[in-house]
C-alpha atoms as a PDB file:
ATOM      1  CA  MET A   1      27.187  37.111  93.024  1.00  0.00           C
ATOM      2  CA  SER A   2      24.955  38.428  90.315  1.00  0.00           C
ATOM      3  CA  GLU A   3      21.174  37.377  89.821  1.00  0.00           C
ATOM      4  CA  HIS A   4      19.969  36.165  86.235  1.00  0.00           C
ATOM      5  CA  LYS A   5      16.221  36.651  85.807  1.00  0.00           C
ATOM      6  CA  ALA A   6      14.452  35.185  83.321  1.00  0.00           C
ATOM      7  CA  VAL A   7      13.064  37.326  80.345  1.00  0.00           C
ATOM      8  CA  GLU A   8       9.257  36.736  79.992  1.00  0.00           C
ATOM      9  CA  LEU A   9       8.321  36.631  76.206  1.00  0.00           C
ATOM     10  CA  PRO A  10       4.998  37.125  75.290  1.00  0.00           C
ATOM     11  CA  SER A  11       2.945  34.518  73.413  1.00  0.00           C
ATOM     12  CA  TYR A  12       4.104  34.373  69.782  1.00  0.00           C
ATOM     13  CA  LYS A  13       0.431  34.617  68.776  1.00  0.00           C
ATOM     14  CA  GLU A  14      -0.173  38.012  70.096  1.00  0.00           C
ATOM     15  CA  GLN A  15      -0.416  40.594  67.508  1.00  0.00           C
ATOM     16  CA  SER A  16      -0.978  44.223  68.011  1.00  0.00           C
ATOM     17  CA  PRO A  17      -3.652  46.097  66.011  1.00  0.00           C
ATOM     18  CA  GLU A  18      -1.271  47.087  63.146  1.00  0.00           C
ATOM     19  CA  VAL A  19      -0.248  43.133  62.530  1.00  0.00           C
ATOM     20  CA  SER A  20      -3.873  42.150  63.245  1.00  0.00           C
ATOM     21  CA  GLN A  21      -5.022  44.691  60.456  1.00  0.00           C
ATOM     22  CA  ARG A  22      -2.213  43.194  58.341  1.00  0.00           C
ATOM     23  CA  PHE A  23      -3.238  39.647  58.509  1.00  0.00           C
ATOM     24  CA  ALA A  24      -7.209  40.476  58.199  1.00  0.00           C
ATOM     25  CA  GLU A  25      -6.270  42.295  55.078  1.00  0.00           C
ATOM     26  CA  LEU A  26      -3.793  39.282  53.729  1.00  0.00           C
ATOM     27  CA  HIS A  27      -6.594  36.458  54.425  1.00  0.00           C
ATOM     28  CA  GLN A  28      -9.074  38.294  52.122  1.00  0.00           C
ATOM     29  CA  ARG A  29      -6.490  38.199  49.179  1.00  0.00           C
ATOM     30  CA  PRO A  30      -7.373  35.743  46.717  1.00  0.00           C
ATOM     31  CA  VAL A  31      -5.923  32.192  47.002  1.00  0.00           C
ATOM     32  CA  LYS A  32      -2.784  31.797  44.457  1.00  0.00           C
ATOM     33  CA  LEU A  33      -1.405  28.266  45.512  1.00  0.00           C
ATOM     34  CA  ASP A  34      -3.728  25.469  46.903  1.00  0.00           C
ATOM     35  CA  VAL A  35      -1.743  22.465  48.006  1.00  0.00           C
ATOM     36  CA  ARG A  36      -4.459  19.484  48.793  1.00  0.00           C
ATOM     37  CA  ASN A  37      -3.011  16.601  50.863  1.00  0.00           C
ATOM     38  CA  LEU A  38       0.650  16.758  48.693  1.00  0.00           C
ATOM     39  CA  GLY A  39       2.763  13.035  49.568  1.00  0.00           C
ATOM     40  CA  LYS A  40       6.030  12.237  47.974  1.00  0.00           C
ATOM     41  CA  THR A  41       7.462   8.514  48.219  1.00  0.00           C
ATOM     42  CA  PHE A  42      10.636   7.632  46.884  1.00  0.00           C
ATOM     43  CA  THR A  43      11.257   3.900  45.671  1.00  0.00           C
ATOM     44  CA  SER A  44      14.407   2.242  45.200  1.00  0.00           C
ATOM     45  CA  SER A  45      15.272  -1.446  45.184  1.00  0.00           C
ATOM     46  CA  LYS A  46      16.324  -1.069  48.679  1.00  0.00           C
ATOM     47  CA  GLY A  47      12.744   0.068  49.896  1.00  0.00           C
ATOM     48  CA  SER A  48      10.588   2.846  49.739  1.00  0.00           C
ATOM     49  CA  ILE A  49      10.955   6.134  52.127  1.00  0.00           C
ATOM     50  CA  GLU A  50       8.171   8.475  52.243  1.00  0.00           C
ATOM     51  CA  VAL A  51       9.262  12.206  52.697  1.00  0.00           C
ATOM     52  CA  LEU A  52       6.021  14.034  52.607  1.00  0.00           C
ATOM     53  CA  ARG A  53       2.885  12.763  54.149  1.00  0.00           C
ATOM     54  CA  ASP A  54      -0.548  14.929  53.409  1.00  0.00           C
ATOM     55  CA  VAL A  55       0.844  18.422  53.272  1.00  0.00           C
ATOM     56  CA  SER A  56      -2.167  20.597  52.738  1.00  0.00           C
ATOM     57  CA  PHE A  57      -2.010  24.535  52.857  1.00  0.00           C
ATOM     58  CA  GLN A  58      -3.148  27.706  50.990  1.00  0.00           C
ATOM     59  CA  VAL A  59      -0.708  30.600  49.838  1.00  0.00           C
ATOM     60  CA  ARG A  60      -2.075  34.159  49.233  1.00  0.00           C
ATOM     61  CA  ARG A  61      -1.786  36.651  46.494  1.00  0.00           C
ATOM     62  CA  ARG A  62       1.484  38.701  46.964  1.00  0.00           C
ATOM     63  CA  GLU A  63       2.289  36.976  50.470  1.00  0.00           C
ATOM     64  CA  PHE A  64       5.984  35.901  51.586  1.00  0.00           C
ATOM     65  CA  ILE A  65       6.028  32.359  53.248  1.00  0.00           C
ATOM     66  CA  SER A  66       9.160  30.734  54.519  1.00  0.00           C
ATOM     67  CA  VAL A  67       9.226  26.925  55.179  1.00  0.00           C
ATOM     68  CA  ILE A  68      11.423  25.761  57.792  1.00  0.00           C
ATOM     69  CA  GLY A  69      12.064  22.246  59.633  1.00  0.00           C
ATOM     70  CA  PRO A  70      14.703  20.132  60.843  1.00  0.00           C
ATOM     71  CA  SER A  71      16.868  18.009  58.320  1.00  0.00           C
ATOM     72  CA  GLY A  72      15.651  15.725  56.225  1.00  0.00           C
ATOM     73  CA  CYS A  73      11.708  17.020  56.596  1.00  0.00           C
ATOM     74  CA  GLY A  74      11.421  17.392  52.842  1.00  0.00           C
ATOM     75  CA  LYS A  75      11.726  21.260  52.591  1.00  0.00           C
ATOM     76  CA  SER A  76      13.650  20.931  49.248  1.00  0.00           C
ATOM     77  CA  THR A  77      11.528  18.330  48.197  1.00  0.00           C
ATOM     78  CA  LEU A  78       8.252  20.250  48.625  1.00  0.00           C
ATOM     79  CA  ILE A  79       9.562  23.215  46.749  1.00  0.00           C
ATOM     80  CA  ARG A  80      10.646  21.173  43.578  1.00  0.00           C
ATOM     81  CA  ILE A  81       7.324  19.684  43.354  1.00  0.00           C
ATOM     82  CA  LEU A  82       5.505  22.844  43.442  1.00  0.00           C
ATOM     83  CA  ALA A  83       7.766  24.778  41.409  1.00  0.00           C
ATOM     84  CA  GLY A  84       7.418  21.886  38.870  1.00  0.00           C
ATOM     85  CA  LEU A  85      10.381  20.321  38.919  1.00  0.00           C
ATOM     86  CA  GLU A  86       9.125  16.654  40.574  1.00  0.00           C
ATOM     87  CA  GLU A  87       6.213  14.684  40.810  1.00  0.00           C
ATOM     88  CA  SER A  88       4.359  14.038  44.053  1.00  0.00           C
ATOM     89  CA  THR A  89       3.293  10.803  44.711  1.00  0.00           C
ATOM     90  CA  THR A  90       0.023  11.617  45.775  1.00  0.00           C
ATOM     91  CA  GLY A  91      -2.326  14.837  46.135  1.00  0.00           C
ATOM     92  CA  GLU A  92      -2.462  18.076  44.090  1.00  0.00           C
ATOM     93  CA  PHE A  93      -1.687  21.780  43.811  1.00  0.00           C
ATOM     94  CA  LEU A  94      -3.475  24.576  42.091  1.00  0.00           C
ATOM     95  CA  LEU A  95      -2.347  27.801  40.699  1.00  0.00           C
ATOM     96  CA  ASP A  96      -4.841  30.405  40.518  1.00  0.00           C
ATOM     97  CA  GLY A  97      -7.494  27.489  40.781  1.00  0.00           C
ATOM     98  CA  GLN A  98      -6.168  25.389  38.260  1.00  0.00           C
ATOM     99  CA  GLU A  99      -4.163  22.453  38.839  1.00  0.00           C
ATOM    100  CA  ALA A 100      -0.601  22.321  37.950  1.00  0.00           C
ATOM    101  CA  PHE A 101       1.600  20.253  35.918  1.00  0.00           C
ATOM    102  CA  GLY A 102       5.292  20.222  35.362  1.00  0.00           C
ATOM    103  CA  PRO A 103       6.882  23.763  35.208  1.00  0.00           C
ATOM    104  CA  CYS A 104       5.413  26.825  33.606  1.00  0.00           C
ATOM    105  CA  ALA A 105       6.553  30.477  33.248  1.00  0.00           C
ATOM    106  CA  GLU A 106       3.772  31.165  35.942  1.00  0.00           C
ATOM    107  CA  ARG A 107       6.247  29.900  38.260  1.00  0.00           C
ATOM    108  CA  GLY A 108      10.113  30.969  38.691  1.00  0.00           C
ATOM    109  CA  MET A 109      12.982  28.994  40.881  1.00  0.00           C
ATOM    110  CA  VAL A 110      15.709  30.224  42.546  1.00  0.00           C
ATOM    111  CA  PHE A 111      18.417  27.498  43.791  1.00  0.00           C
ATOM    112  CA  GLN A 112      21.093  27.662  46.591  1.00  0.00           C
ATOM    113  CA  SER A 113      23.832  27.487  44.126  1.00  0.00           C
ATOM    114  CA  TYR A 114      24.250  30.222  41.260  1.00  0.00           C
ATOM    115  CA  THR A 115      23.196  28.229  38.314  1.00  0.00           C
ATOM    116  CA  LEU A 116      24.500  30.889  35.871  1.00  0.00           C
ATOM    117  CA  PHE A 117      26.328  30.019  32.421  1.00  0.00           C
ATOM    118  CA  PRO A 118      29.565  30.975  32.867  1.00  0.00           C
ATOM    119  CA  TRP A 119      30.225  32.024  29.250  1.00  0.00           C
ATOM    120  CA  LEU A 120      27.441  34.741  29.119  1.00  0.00           C
ATOM    121  CA  SER A 121      27.447  37.835  30.485  1.00  0.00           C
ATOM    122  CA  VAL A 122      24.952  39.127  33.450  1.00  0.00           C
ATOM    123  CA  LYS A 123      23.031  40.956  30.651  1.00  0.00           C
ATOM    124  CA  LYS A 124      23.018  37.508  28.317  1.00  0.00           C
ATOM    125  CA  ASN A 125      22.418  35.274  31.582  1.00  0.00           C
ATOM    126  CA  VAL A 126      18.931  37.775  32.309  1.00  0.00           C
ATOM    127  CA  MET A 127      18.169  37.455  29.135  1.00  0.00           C
ATOM    128  CA  PHE A 128      18.167  33.839  27.919  1.00  0.00           C
ATOM    129  CA  GLY A 129      14.804  33.040  29.228  1.00  0.00           C
ATOM    130  CA  LEU A 130      12.966  35.622  27.375  1.00  0.00           C
ATOM    131  CA  GLU A 131      14.589  34.676  24.412  1.00  0.00           C
ATOM    132  CA  VAL A 132      13.171  31.234  24.728  1.00  0.00           C
ATOM    133  CA  ALA A 133       9.978  31.983  25.434  1.00  0.00           C
ATOM    134  CA  GLY A 134      10.268  33.858  21.710  1.00  0.00           C
ATOM    135  CA  ARG A 135      11.324  37.397  22.814  1.00  0.00           C
ATOM    136  CA  SER A 136      13.032  39.729  19.921  1.00  0.00           C
ATOM    137  CA  ASP A 137      16.637  40.302  21.049  1.00  0.00           C
ATOM    138  CA  PRO A 138      15.846  44.285  21.457  1.00  0.00           C
ATOM    139  CA  HIS A 139      12.997  43.681  23.429  1.00  0.00           C
ATOM    140  CA  ALA A 140      14.847  41.109  25.582  1.00  0.00           C
ATOM    141  CA  GLU A 141      17.575  43.162  26.146  1.00  0.00           C
ATOM    142  CA  SER A 142      15.460  46.057  27.430  1.00  0.00           C
ATOM    143  CA  GLU A 143      13.593  44.144  29.659  1.00  0.00           C
ATOM    144  CA  ALA A 144      16.809  42.248  30.822  1.00  0.00           C
ATOM    145  CA  LEU A 145      18.526  45.725  31.887  1.00  0.00           C
ATOM    146  CA  GLU A 146      15.524  46.765  33.721  1.00  0.00           C
ATOM    147  CA  TRP A 147      15.669  43.743  35.845  1.00  0.00           C
ATOM    148  CA  ILE A 148      19.643  44.150  36.253  1.00  0.00           C
ATOM    149  CA  ASP A 149      18.444  47.781  37.387  1.00  0.00           C
ATOM    150  CA  ILE A 150      15.966  46.650  39.379  1.00  0.00           C
ATOM    151  CA  VAL A 151      18.800  44.208  41.580  1.00  0.00           C
ATOM    152  CA  GLY A 152      21.362  46.762  41.471  1.00  0.00           C
ATOM    153  CA  LEU A 153      23.726  45.569  38.832  1.00  0.00           C
ATOM    154  CA  SER A 154      23.725  48.221  36.276  1.00  0.00           C
ATOM    155  CA  ARG A 155      27.176  48.541  36.264  1.00  0.00           C
ATOM    156  CA  PHE A 156      27.650  44.660  36.045  1.00  0.00           C
ATOM    157  CA  ALA A 157      25.538  44.154  32.783  1.00  0.00           C
ATOM    158  CA  ASP A 158      28.358  43.225  30.640  1.00  0.00           C
ATOM    159  CA  ALA A 159      30.451  41.152  33.380  1.00  0.00           C
ATOM    160  CA  TYR A 160      30.438  37.530  33.561  1.00  0.00           C
ATOM    161  CA  PRO A 161      30.099  35.393  36.450  1.00  0.00           C
ATOM    162  CA  SER A 162      33.716  34.638  37.427  1.00  0.00           C
ATOM    163  CA  GLN A 163      33.965  38.307  37.953  1.00  0.00           C
ATOM    164  CA  LEU A 164      31.153  38.852  40.508  1.00  0.00           C
ATOM    165  CA  SER A 165      30.633  38.092  44.382  1.00  0.00           C
ATOM    166  CA  GLY A 166      28.762  35.178  45.746  1.00  0.00           C
ATOM    167  CA  GLY A 167      25.465  38.169  46.631  1.00  0.00           C
ATOM    168  CA  MET A 168      26.054  39.427  42.842  1.00  0.00           C
ATOM    169  CA  LYS A 169      25.880  36.244  41.608  1.00  0.00           C
ATOM    170  CA  GLN A 170      22.473  35.208  43.923  1.00  0.00           C
ATOM    171  CA  ARG A 171      21.366  38.775  42.287  1.00  0.00           C
ATOM    172  CA  VAL A 172      21.574  37.721  38.508  1.00  0.00           C
ATOM    173  CA  ALA A 173      20.062  34.714  39.542  1.00  0.00           C
ATOM    174  CA  ILE A 174      16.833  36.362  41.240  1.00  0.00           C
ATOM    175  CA  ALA A 175      16.854  38.740  38.086  1.00  0.00           C
ATOM    176  CA  ARG A 176      16.880  35.932  35.483  1.00  0.00           C
ATOM    177  CA  ALA A 177      13.869  34.318  37.393  1.00  0.00           C
ATOM    178  CA  LEU A 178      11.875  37.048  37.581  1.00  0.00           C
ATOM    179  CA  ALA A 179      12.864  38.340  33.942  1.00  0.00           C
ATOM    180  CA  ASN A 180       9.929  35.746  32.869  1.00  0.00           C
ATOM    181  CA  GLN A 181       7.441  37.807  35.119  1.00  0.00           C
ATOM    182  CA  PRO A 182       6.297  34.397  37.300  1.00  0.00           C
ATOM    183  CA  SER A 183       3.758  35.262  39.718  1.00  0.00           C
ATOM    184  CA  ILE A 184       4.727  33.077  41.899  1.00  0.00           C
ATOM    185  CA  LEU A 185       8.703  32.794  43.048  1.00  0.00           C
ATOM    186  CA  PHE A 186      10.336  29.650  44.904  1.00  0.00           C
ATOM    187  CA  MET A 187      13.374  30.116  46.578  1.00  0.00           C
ATOM    188  CA  ASP A 188      15.366  27.042  47.928  1.00  0.00           C
ATOM    189  CA  GLU A 189      18.209  28.355  50.527  1.00  0.00           C
ATOM    190  CA  PRO A 190      19.137  31.202  48.097  1.00  0.00           C
ATOM    191  CA  PHE A 191      21.337  32.425  50.759  1.00  0.00           C
ATOM    192  CA  GLY A 192      22.611  29.826  52.453  1.00  0.00           C
ATOM    193  CA  ALA A 193      26.069  29.980  51.020  1.00  0.00           C
ATOM    194  CA  LEU A 194      26.757  33.444  51.693  1.00  0.00           C
ATOM    195  CA  ASP A 195      28.564  35.446  54.451  1.00  0.00           C
ATOM    196  CA  ALA A 196      26.302  36.828  57.410  1.00  0.00           C
ATOM    197  CA  GLN A 197      27.058  40.387  56.180  1.00  0.00           C
ATOM    198  CA  THR A 198      25.917  39.648  52.116  1.00  0.00           C
ATOM    199  CA  ARG A 199      23.065  37.533  53.380  1.00  0.00           C
ATOM    200  CA  ALA A 200      21.787  40.574  55.286  1.00  0.00           C
ATOM    201  CA  GLN A 201      22.430  42.549  52.022  1.00  0.00           C
ATOM    202  CA  MET A 202      20.455  39.930  50.053  1.00  0.00           C
ATOM    203  CA  GLN A 203      17.504  39.969  52.426  1.00  0.00           C
ATOM    204  CA  ALA A 204      17.247  43.612  52.143  1.00  0.00           C
ATOM    205  CA  TYR A 205      17.519  43.146  48.452  1.00  0.00           C
ATOM    206  CA  LEU A 206      14.922  40.848  48.164  1.00  0.00           C
ATOM    207  CA  LEU A 207      12.419  42.482  50.485  1.00  0.00           C
ATOM    208  CA  GLN A 208      12.630  45.756  48.138  1.00  0.00           C
ATOM    209  CA  ILE A 209      12.014  43.491  45.260  1.00  0.00           C
ATOM    210  CA  TRP A 210       9.052  41.975  47.162  1.00  0.00           C
ATOM    211  CA  ARG A 211       7.471  45.243  48.264  1.00  0.00           C
ATOM    212  CA  ASN A 212       7.568  46.616  44.336  1.00  0.00           C
ATOM    213  CA  VAL A 213       6.987  43.338  42.300  1.00  0.00           C
ATOM    214  CA  ASP A 214       3.401  42.023  42.163  1.00  0.00           C
ATOM    215  CA  ILE A 215       4.634  38.514  43.374  1.00  0.00           C
ATOM    216  CA  THR A 216       3.851  35.731  45.518  1.00  0.00           C
ATOM    217  CA  ILE A 217       7.085  33.880  47.267  1.00  0.00           C
ATOM    218  CA  LEU A 218       7.948  30.687  49.136  1.00  0.00           C
ATOM    219  CA  PHE A 219      11.261  30.630  50.394  1.00  0.00           C
ATOM    220  CA  VAL A 220      13.217  27.628  52.089  1.00  0.00           C
ATOM    221  CA  THR A 221      15.508  28.335  54.780  1.00  0.00           C
ATOM    222  CA  HIS A 222      17.042  26.406  57.499  1.00  0.00           C
ATOM    223  CA  ASP A 223      17.898  30.002  59.291  1.00  0.00           C
ATOM    224  CA  LEU A 224      14.843  31.118  62.090  1.00  0.00           C
ATOM    225  CA  GLU A 225      16.016  34.397  61.947  1.00  0.00           C
ATOM    226  CA  GLU A 226      16.106  34.901  58.222  1.00  0.00           C
ATOM    227  CA  ALA A 227      12.482  33.216  58.409  1.00  0.00           C
ATOM    228  CA  ILE A 228      11.199  35.666  60.566  1.00  0.00           C
ATOM    229  CA  HIS A 229      12.672  38.614  59.411  1.00  0.00           C
ATOM    230  CA  LEU A 230      11.267  37.815  55.408  1.00  0.00           C
ATOM    231  CA  SER A 231       7.807  36.068  56.400  1.00  0.00           C
ATOM    232  CA  ASP A 232       4.193  36.721  56.668  1.00  0.00           C
ATOM    233  CA  ARG A 233       3.825  33.215  57.847  1.00  0.00           C
ATOM    234  CA  ILE A 234       6.259  30.169  58.619  1.00  0.00           C
ATOM    235  CA  LEU A 235       5.347  26.792  57.769  1.00  0.00           C
ATOM    236  CA  VAL A 236       7.036  24.406  60.113  1.00  0.00           C
ATOM    237  CA  LEU A 237       7.729  20.594  58.716  1.00  0.00           C
ATOM    238  CA  LYS A 238       8.551  18.022  60.872  1.00  0.00           C
ATOM    239  CA  ALA A 239      10.777  15.153  60.040  1.00  0.00           C
ATOM    240  CA  ASN A 240      10.388  11.341  58.709  1.00  0.00           C
ATOM    241  CA  PRO A 241       7.727  11.739  57.111  1.00  0.00           C
ATOM    242  CA  GLY A 242       7.399  15.507  56.269  1.00  0.00           C
ATOM    243  CA  GLU A 243       4.184  16.534  58.002  1.00  0.00           C
ATOM    244  CA  ILE A 244       2.881  19.768  58.884  1.00  0.00           C
ATOM    245  CA  GLN A 245       3.353  20.890  62.619  1.00  0.00           C
ATOM    246  CA  GLU A 246       2.501  24.706  62.438  1.00  0.00           C
ATOM    247  CA  PHE A 247       1.787  27.481  60.213  1.00  0.00           C
ATOM    248  CA  ILE A 248       2.920  30.454  62.252  1.00  0.00           C
ATOM    249  CA  GLU A 249       1.476  33.881  61.706  1.00  0.00           C
ATOM    250  CA  VAL A 250       4.369  36.255  62.372  1.00  0.00           C
ATOM    251  CA  PRO A 251       3.564  39.044  64.820  1.00  0.00           C
ATOM    252  CA  VAL A 252       6.380  41.446  63.643  1.00  0.00           C
ATOM    253  CA  PRO A 253       5.116  44.580  62.336  1.00  0.00           C
ATOM    254  CA  ARG A 254       6.480  45.662  58.542  1.00  0.00           C
ATOM    255  CA  PRO A 255       8.402  47.415  56.955  1.00  0.00           C
ATOM    256  CA  ARG A 256      11.070  45.065  58.156  1.00  0.00           C
ATOM    257  CA  ASP A 257      15.078  45.650  59.394  1.00  0.00           C
ATOM    258  CA  PRO A 258      17.346  44.183  61.474  1.00  0.00           C
ATOM    259  CA  SER A 259      16.710  46.128  65.079  1.00  0.00           C
ATOM    260  CA  GLN A 260      13.897  44.071  65.421  1.00  0.00           C
ATOM    261  CA  TYR A 261      15.519  40.910  65.917  1.00  0.00           C
ATOM    262  CA  LEU A 262      15.495  42.237  69.345  1.00  0.00           C
ATOM    263  CA  PHE A 263      11.716  42.967  69.840  1.00  0.00           C
ATOM    264  CA  PRO A 264      10.025  40.713  72.332  1.00  0.00           C
ATOM    265  CA  GLU A 265       7.457  39.470  69.269  1.00  0.00           C
ATOM    266  CA  PHE A 266      10.907  38.454  67.554  1.00  0.00           C
ATOM    267  CA  LEU A 267      12.144  36.591  69.942  1.00  0.00           C
ATOM    268  CA  ALA A 268       8.581  35.131  70.673  1.00  0.00           C
ATOM    269  CA  THR A 269       8.230  33.415  67.634  1.00  0.00           C
ATOM    270  CA  LYS A 270      11.984  32.099  67.574  1.00  0.00           C
ATOM    271  CA  HIS A 271      11.574  30.769  70.737  1.00  0.00           C
ATOM    272  CA  ARG A 272       8.436  28.668  68.942  1.00  0.00           C
ATOM    273  CA  LEU A 273      10.261  27.502  66.092  1.00  0.00           C
ATOM    274  CA  GLU A 274      13.031  26.680  68.122  1.00  0.00           C
ATOM    275  CA  GLU A 275      10.387  24.464  70.342  1.00  0.00           C
ATOM    276  CA  LEU A 276       9.163  22.659  67.123  1.00  0.00           C
ATOM    277  CA  ILE A 277      12.461  21.951  65.371  1.00  0.00           C
ATOM    278  CA  HIS A 278      14.550  21.377  68.726  1.00  0.00           C
ATOM    279  CA  PRO A 279      12.276  20.301  71.263  1.00  0.00           C
ATOM    280  CA  HIS A 280      13.152  20.879  74.707  1.00  0.00           C
ATOM    281  CA  ARG A 281      12.857  17.142  76.083  1.00  0.00           C
ATOM    282  CA  ASP A 282      15.922  16.616  73.498  1.00  0.00           C
ATOM    283  CA  ILE A 283      17.396  19.349  75.185  1.00  0.00           C
ATOM    284  CA  GLU A 284      16.733  18.354  78.694  1.00  0.00           C
ATOM    285  CA  GLN A 285      18.145  14.953  77.543  1.00  0.00           C
ATOM    286  CA  ASP A 286      21.349  16.671  76.074  1.00  0.00           C
ATOM    287  CA  ASP A 287      21.994  18.758  79.426  1.00  0.00           C
ATOM    288  CA  LEU A 288      21.272  15.442  81.736  1.00  0.00           C
ATOM    289  CA  HIS A 289      23.857  13.874  79.848  1.00  0.00           C
ATOM    290  CA  ILE A 290      26.349  16.457  80.156  1.00  0.00           C
ATOM    291  CA  THR A 291      25.736  16.545  83.337  1.00  0.00           C
ATOM    292  CA  ARG A 292      26.404  13.162  83.724  1.00  0.00           C
ATOM    293  CA  MET A 293      29.776  13.084  82.222  1.00  0.00           C
ATOM    294  CA  THR A 294      31.015  16.112  84.097  1.00  0.00           C
ATOM    295  CA  THR A 295      30.380  14.226  87.609  1.00  0.00           C
ATOM    296  CA  VAL A 296      31.719  11.331  86.443  1.00  0.00           C
ATOM    297  CA  GLY A 297      34.864  13.593  85.559  1.00  0.00           C
ATOM    298  CA  ASP A 298      34.881  15.142  88.986  1.00  0.00           C
ATOM    299  CA  ASP A 299      34.519  11.720  90.888  1.00  0.00           C
ATOM    300  CA  ALA A 300      37.583  10.672  88.934  1.00  0.00           C
ATOM    301  CA  GLU A 301      39.751  13.761  89.935  1.00  0.00           C
END
């Protein structure tokens, strides 16, 4: 009979000198986004539901932060408030030291659904925001083609959304958001509808773009491995109402690649996230319930 030995993981707080130095440098960067005591309550004829409570954190310039948490913790609500698409009930947030209200060109948004105009070509979709901002057609077209090239779709500039795969559509959506040159990009589960292979490709594209463009990213996801793979830090919310549980510095070195999914520091961080989102006591209760059901079944036989 073979013996199974538990693998002892390091603490998710342990950092190599390389990673520690990277965070020391990151903390010296200027604060891009300063969220202060943000709260959100939805009110209807049936009563009030507090979705977010006293959420406070700071994001540094060119930082990549993921927001995770259990279903109903207010991840999407938080990101929509920060993008200017909804209003908070309490608190405020500052962008580059200035209080922010409503949507603005400094903030871009990418949704899970592709939100492309089906009657416009790839090029025209990316040009849309530029034209609304008053860019001349030649200028808008030139800028759009540059962003289309960055996301690797130059050959499809004249194609229409119906002719593209899901991953390609999302690349167009990212190009359209970046074409307006926002300084901060909010992404609400942008790869959630993609298959695993396309999702991995999109993660690689996003990291490549982030390395080459001066932009700060806040990324909502329910995928723990995706959050670790992409992020500098991970903001973990708890539900009912959504409050900050922990802000984790990811100890995995950069640059990132899929082979790191088996690194001890990656596994330790994933284990911690699972503890926060699915507390161990719940697992024990489930196991106990299954054991009891099995025992009853055995007795019945």
